Amino acid sequence: MLDLFAVPDDVRRVEGGQGRSVVAGDLVLSPGRDASVAGWLDPVLARLAVRMDERPGRRPRDLRVAVPVPARDGSWVVDGWGASRFEPGTTACRDLDVLVAAGRVLHAELASAVPERPAGLETRTDRWARAERLAFGPAAEAVAVAGERGDTDLSALVRELVVEDPVPGPDQLVHGDLAGNVLLDAYGAPVVIDVAPYWRPVRWAEAVCVLDATLWLDAEATTGWETGPGRDALRRAALFRLFSDDPPEVDHYRSALSALL
């Protein structure tokens, strides 16, 4: 695998994330990559990253995207591992305002770069893809699946959260795991890594980011999610996370949601 990515057999673990990525040479190598998704997503991100870096008038603190790098044989995934350009001197971003702002810029760029739903999204069967479909599916189905898990606290919370009204805004390619995947470089520019692709409204992706930051980054709860479209987006974000976590910390979710809703 290292030979195909043309990096030396000298790796060190990357701090943060899930603790499974490593640095080898000038690349970050991450396991658990879906070749069917990376095959269409990584070329899009690579072109977007270069275009943003070379854009006239670019400022040092403008948003950047970590550049995916293919193996020597042209494949984007080797034995389940994918690669991107290593960003030395970066730190994890924990500022919710910066995370939300980065997401808005990124999603505007993605809307232009990917105007139509990629066919590769339909092939995903991982637990996050299944959870996303449950969050946007019929309320009765979400309640039934929660009941099958045998956790009465989870079932009660899901029944409180299910909604029938759609999240406003057009569907587009969004990053559904932004809160844990933005770095700050030496200039303070946000660098987006590990794009988790979904074809959903931007408002939902932002709600996932806000919820995640409140849950796991000790971010101060923001306002604007208590009523209307924001409330429905946050509810679907919570359903998505509850169904993708195995098992979810229901009390922790209740605490975060009570601060936001």
Protein backbone atom coordinates (compact mmCIF):
# COMPACT_ATOMS: atom_id res chain seq x y z
CA MET A 1 0.00 0.00 0.00
CA LEU A 2 2.77 2.46 0.91
CA ASP A 3 4.60 1.65 -2.30
CA LEU A 4 1.52 2.38 -4.41
CA PHE A 5 1.17 5.79 -2.75
CA ALA A 6 4.91 6.36 -3.29
CA VAL A 7 5.68 7.14 0.36
CA PRO A 8 8.43 5.74 2.61
CA ASP A 9 7.85 2.85 5.01
CA ASP A 10 8.04 5.22 7.97
CA VAL A 11 4.67 6.16 9.41
CA ARG A 12 3.48 8.04 12.48
CA ARG A 13 -0.01 8.32 13.86
CA VAL A 14 -2.00 11.51 13.38
CA GLU A 15 -3.46 13.06 16.51
CA GLY A 16 -7.19 13.69 16.68
CA GLY A 17 -10.00 12.20 14.64
CA GLN A 18 -10.55 8.53 15.28
CA GLY A 19 -6.84 7.96 15.84
CA ARG A 20 -6.44 5.62 12.87
CA SER A 21 -4.86 7.91 10.25
CA VAL A 22 -1.10 8.03 9.76
CA VAL A 23 1.41 10.33 8.11
CA ALA A 24 3.87 8.85 5.63
CA GLY A 25 6.10 11.21 3.71
CA ASP A 26 3.98 14.12 2.54
CA LEU A 27 0.66 12.24 2.72
CA VAL A 28 -1.97 11.47 5.34
CA LEU A 29 -3.26 7.91 4.89
CA SER A 30 -6.69 7.03 6.29
CA PRO A 31 -8.32 3.58 6.50
CA GLY A 32 -11.94 2.61 5.97
CA ARG A 33 -12.36 4.39 2.65
CA ASP A 34 -15.15 3.33 0.30
CA ALA A 35 -13.67 2.95 -3.18
CA SER A 36 -17.04 3.46 -4.88
CA VAL A 37 -17.46 6.83 -3.14
CA ALA A 38 -13.85 7.97 -3.42
CA GLY A 39 -13.87 7.15 -7.14
CA TRP A 40 -16.21 10.08 -7.87
CA LEU A 41 -15.72 12.31 -4.80
CA ASP A 42 -11.91 12.57 -4.64
CA PRO A 43 -11.45 13.86 -8.21
CA VAL A 44 -14.08 16.52 -7.51
CA LEU A 45 -12.34 17.59 -4.29
CA ALA A 46 -8.90 17.54 -5.90
CA ARG A 47 -10.00 19.85 -8.71
CA LEU A 48 -11.86 22.10 -6.27
CA ALA A 49 -8.87 22.33 -3.91
CA VAL A 50 -6.51 23.35 -6.71
CA ARG A 51 -8.99 25.85 -8.14
CA MET A 52 -9.48 27.48 -4.74
CA ASP A 53 -5.72 27.61 -4.06
CA GLU A 54 -5.00 29.21 -7.45
CA ARG A 55 -7.94 31.63 -7.49
CA PRO A 56 -6.86 35.24 -8.27
CA GLY A 57 -7.07 37.51 -5.26
CA ARG A 58 -6.84 34.64 -2.79
CA ARG A 59 -6.04 35.75 0.77
CA PRO A 60 -3.92 33.79 3.29
CA ARG A 61 -6.90 33.06 5.57
CA ASP A 62 -9.35 31.95 2.87
CA LEU A 63 -10.83 28.47 3.09
CA ARG A 64 -8.81 25.56 1.74
CA VAL A 65 -9.62 21.90 1.03
CA ALA A 66 -7.09 19.16 1.72
CA VAL A 67 -6.07 17.70 -1.64
CA PRO A 68 -6.87 13.99 -2.17
CA VAL A 69 -4.00 12.14 -3.85
CA PRO A 70 -4.36 9.03 -6.02
CA ALA A 71 -2.04 6.04 -5.95
CA ARG A 72 0.49 5.46 -8.72
CA ASP A 73 -1.94 3.18 -10.55
CA GLY A 74 -4.58 5.93 -10.58
CA SER A 75 -6.82 4.40 -7.91
CA TRP A 76 -8.07 6.57 -5.06
CA VAL A 77 -8.32 3.72 -2.53
CA VAL A 78 -5.78 0.94 -1.93
CA ASP A 79 -6.78 -1.91 0.40
CA GLY A 80 -9.30 0.43 2.04
CA TRP A 81 -6.80 3.28 2.47
CA GLY A 82 -7.10 6.74 0.92
CA ALA A 83 -4.54 9.55 0.85
CA SER A 84 -4.53 13.33 1.01
CA ARG A 85 -1.82 15.94 1.14
CA PHE A 86 -0.39 16.33 4.66
CA GLU A 87 -0.99 19.76 6.21
CA PRO A 88 1.88 20.34 8.69
CA GLY A 89 1.50 22.87 11.47
CA THR A 90 -2.28 22.66 11.61
CA THR A 91 -4.48 22.44 14.69
CA ALA A 92 -8.05 21.24 15.10
CA CYS A 93 -10.65 24.00 14.86
CA ARG A 94 -13.01 24.10 17.84
CA ASP A 95 -14.55 27.53 17.22
CA LEU A 96 -18.17 27.03 16.18
CA ASP A 97 -18.38 30.38 14.39
CA VAL A 98 -15.39 29.44 12.24
CA LEU A 99 -16.81 25.97 11.59
CA VAL A 100 -20.17 27.35 10.45
CA ALA A 101 -18.51 30.00 8.27
CA ALA A 102 -16.22 27.40 6.70
CA GLY A 103 -19.21 25.19 5.97
CA ARG A 104 -21.07 27.99 4.22
CA VAL A 105 -18.13 28.77 1.95
CA LEU A 106 -17.49 25.09 1.25
CA HIS A 107 -21.12 24.39 0.40
CA ALA A 108 -21.28 27.35 -1.97
CA GLU A 109 -18.22 25.93 -3.75
CA LEU A 110 -19.68 22.41 -3.84
CA ALA A 111 -22.99 23.64 -5.23
CA SER A 112 -21.12 25.09 -8.19
CA ALA A 113 -18.73 22.16 -8.62
CA VAL A 114 -21.38 19.42 -8.37
CA PRO A 115 -24.68 20.70 -9.81
CA GLU A 116 -26.32 17.25 -10.04
CA ARG A 117 -26.66 14.39 -7.57
CA PRO A 118 -23.73 11.97 -8.03
CA ALA A 119 -24.79 8.42 -8.78
CA GLY A 120 -22.18 7.10 -6.32
CA LEU A 121 -24.18 8.32 -3.33
CA GLU A 122 -26.86 5.73 -3.95
CA THR A 123 -24.44 2.85 -3.40
CA ARG A 124 -23.58 3.72 0.19
CA THR A 125 -24.69 1.15 2.77
CA ASP A 126 -22.58 2.17 5.78
CA ARG A 127 -24.27 2.97 9.10
CA TRP A 128 -24.08 6.72 8.49
CA ALA A 129 -25.83 6.41 5.14
CA ARG A 130 -28.52 4.22 6.68
CA ALA A 131 -28.95 6.71 9.54
CA GLU A 132 -29.27 9.62 7.12
CA ARG A 133 -32.03 7.85 5.22
CA LEU A 134 -33.87 7.11 8.44
CA ALA A 135 -33.60 10.75 9.52
CA PHE A 136 -35.26 11.88 6.29
CA GLY A 137 -37.65 8.96 5.89
CA PRO A 138 -41.15 8.39 7.24
CA ALA A 139 -41.54 9.08 10.96
CA ALA A 140 -43.11 5.66 11.54
CA GLU A 141 -40.05 3.91 10.13
CA ALA A 142 -37.67 5.84 12.40
CA VAL A 143 -39.81 5.03 15.45
CA ALA A 144 -39.95 1.34 14.49
CA VAL A 145 -36.17 1.05 14.01
CA ALA A 146 -35.53 2.78 17.34
CA GLY A 147 -37.90 0.32 19.01
CA GLU A 148 -36.01 -2.62 17.51
CA ARG A 149 -32.88 -1.53 19.35
CA GLY A 150 -34.51 -2.28 22.68
CA ASP A 151 -33.49 1.01 24.31
CA THR A 152 -36.54 2.69 25.83
CA ASP A 153 -34.74 6.02 26.34
CA LEU A 154 -33.69 6.07 22.68
CA SER A 155 -37.21 5.19 21.53
CA ALA A 156 -38.70 7.97 23.64
CA LEU A 157 -36.28 10.59 22.28
CA VAL A 158 -36.79 9.49 18.68
CA ARG A 159 -40.57 9.81 19.09
CA GLU A 160 -40.03 13.37 20.34
CA LEU A 161 -37.77 14.28 17.43
CA VAL A 162 -39.45 12.81 14.36
CA VAL A 163 -40.84 15.38 11.94
CA GLU A 164 -42.74 15.18 8.68
CA ASP A 165 -42.02 18.67 7.31
CA PRO A 166 -39.10 18.80 4.85
CA VAL A 167 -35.95 20.74 5.61
CA PRO A 168 -36.13 23.91 3.47
CA GLY A 169 -33.67 24.60 0.72
CA PRO A 170 -32.53 22.65 -2.32
CA ASP A 171 -30.62 19.42 -1.92
CA GLN A 172 -26.95 19.61 -2.88
CA LEU A 173 -23.64 17.97 -2.05
CA VAL A 174 -22.84 18.74 1.60
CA HIS A 175 -20.23 17.76 4.18
CA GLY A 176 -22.13 15.89 6.89
CA ASP A 177 -19.29 15.70 9.42
CA LEU A 178 -17.82 19.18 9.42
CA ALA A 179 -17.33 19.81 13.14
CA GLY A 180 -14.50 17.29 13.54
CA ASN A 181 -12.93 17.85 10.16
CA VAL A 182 -11.71 21.42 9.94
CA LEU A 183 -8.10 22.32 10.71
CA LEU A 184 -6.51 25.75 11.09
CA ASP A 185 -3.20 26.31 9.33
CA ALA A 186 -0.36 28.58 10.44
CA TYR A 187 -2.15 31.60 8.90
CA GLY A 188 -5.45 30.76 10.59
CA ALA A 189 -7.03 29.56 7.36
CA PRO A 190 -9.56 26.74 7.80
CA VAL A 191 -8.63 23.54 5.96
CA VAL A 192 -11.47 21.07 5.33
CA ILE A 193 -10.58 17.38 5.50
CA ASP A 194 -12.42 14.05 5.17
CA VAL A 195 -15.55 15.24 3.39
CA ALA A 196 -18.51 13.02 4.33
CA PRO A 197 -20.81 13.38 1.30
CA TYR A 198 -24.59 13.64 1.45
CA TRP A 199 -27.17 15.10 -0.94
CA ARG A 200 -29.21 17.17 1.48
CA PRO A 201 -30.03 20.83 2.24
CA VAL A 202 -27.20 23.00 3.54
CA ARG A 203 -29.34 23.87 6.58
CA TRP A 204 -29.26 20.21 7.67
CA ALA A 205 -25.47 19.96 7.30
CA GLU A 206 -25.11 23.13 9.37
CA ALA A 207 -27.42 21.70 12.03
CA VAL A 208 -25.27 18.55 12.22
CA CYS A 209 -22.19 20.75 12.65
CA VAL A 210 -23.80 22.80 15.42
CA LEU A 211 -25.08 19.71 17.22
CA ASP A 212 -21.71 17.94 16.99
CA ALA A 213 -19.83 20.98 18.26
CA THR A 214 -22.25 21.31 21.19
CA LEU A 215 -22.00 17.61 21.97
CA TRP A 216 -18.30 16.95 21.59
CA LEU A 217 -16.38 20.25 21.34
CA ASP A 218 -17.94 21.98 24.37
CA ALA A 219 -19.15 24.78 22.11
CA GLU A 220 -21.60 27.25 23.57
CA ALA A 221 -25.11 26.55 22.31
CA THR A 222 -26.22 28.92 19.57
CA THR A 223 -29.67 30.39 19.01
CA GLY A 224 -31.93 30.28 15.98
CA TRP A 225 -32.77 26.60 16.18
CA GLU A 226 -35.81 26.82 18.44
CA THR A 227 -38.54 27.32 15.86
CA GLY A 228 -39.42 26.88 12.22
CA PRO A 229 -37.04 25.46 9.64
CA GLY A 230 -34.05 25.54 11.96
CA ARG A 231 -35.84 23.40 14.52
CA ASP A 232 -36.80 20.78 11.93
CA ALA A 233 -33.25 20.71 10.53
CA LEU A 234 -31.79 20.22 14.00
CA ARG A 235 -34.26 17.44 14.78
CA ARG A 236 -33.25 15.57 11.64
CA ALA A 237 -29.60 16.17 12.50
CA ALA A 238 -30.18 14.63 15.93
CA LEU A 239 -31.98 11.63 14.45
CA PHE A 240 -29.09 11.12 12.05
CA ARG A 241 -26.55 11.09 14.87
CA LEU A 242 -28.68 8.97 17.19
CA PHE A 243 -29.10 6.28 14.54
CA SER A 244 -25.45 6.35 13.44
CA ASP A 245 -23.99 6.16 16.96
CA ASP A 246 -23.63 2.63 18.31
CA PRO A 247 -24.83 3.01 20.98
CA PRO A 248 -25.80 6.68 21.36
CA GLU A 249 -25.40 8.52 24.67
CA VAL A 250 -29.06 9.47 24.90
CA ASP A 251 -28.72 11.61 28.04
CA HIS A 252 -25.87 13.56 26.43
CA TYR A 253 -28.04 14.24 23.39
CA ARG A 254 -30.95 15.35 25.56
CA SER A 255 -28.70 17.83 27.35
CA ALA A 256 -27.35 19.30 24.11
CA LEU A 257 -30.76 19.49 22.49
CA SER A 258 -32.30 21.19 25.54
CA ALA A 259 -29.68 23.93 25.19
CA LEU A 260 -30.34 24.38 21.48
CA LEU A 261 -34.11 23.93 21.16
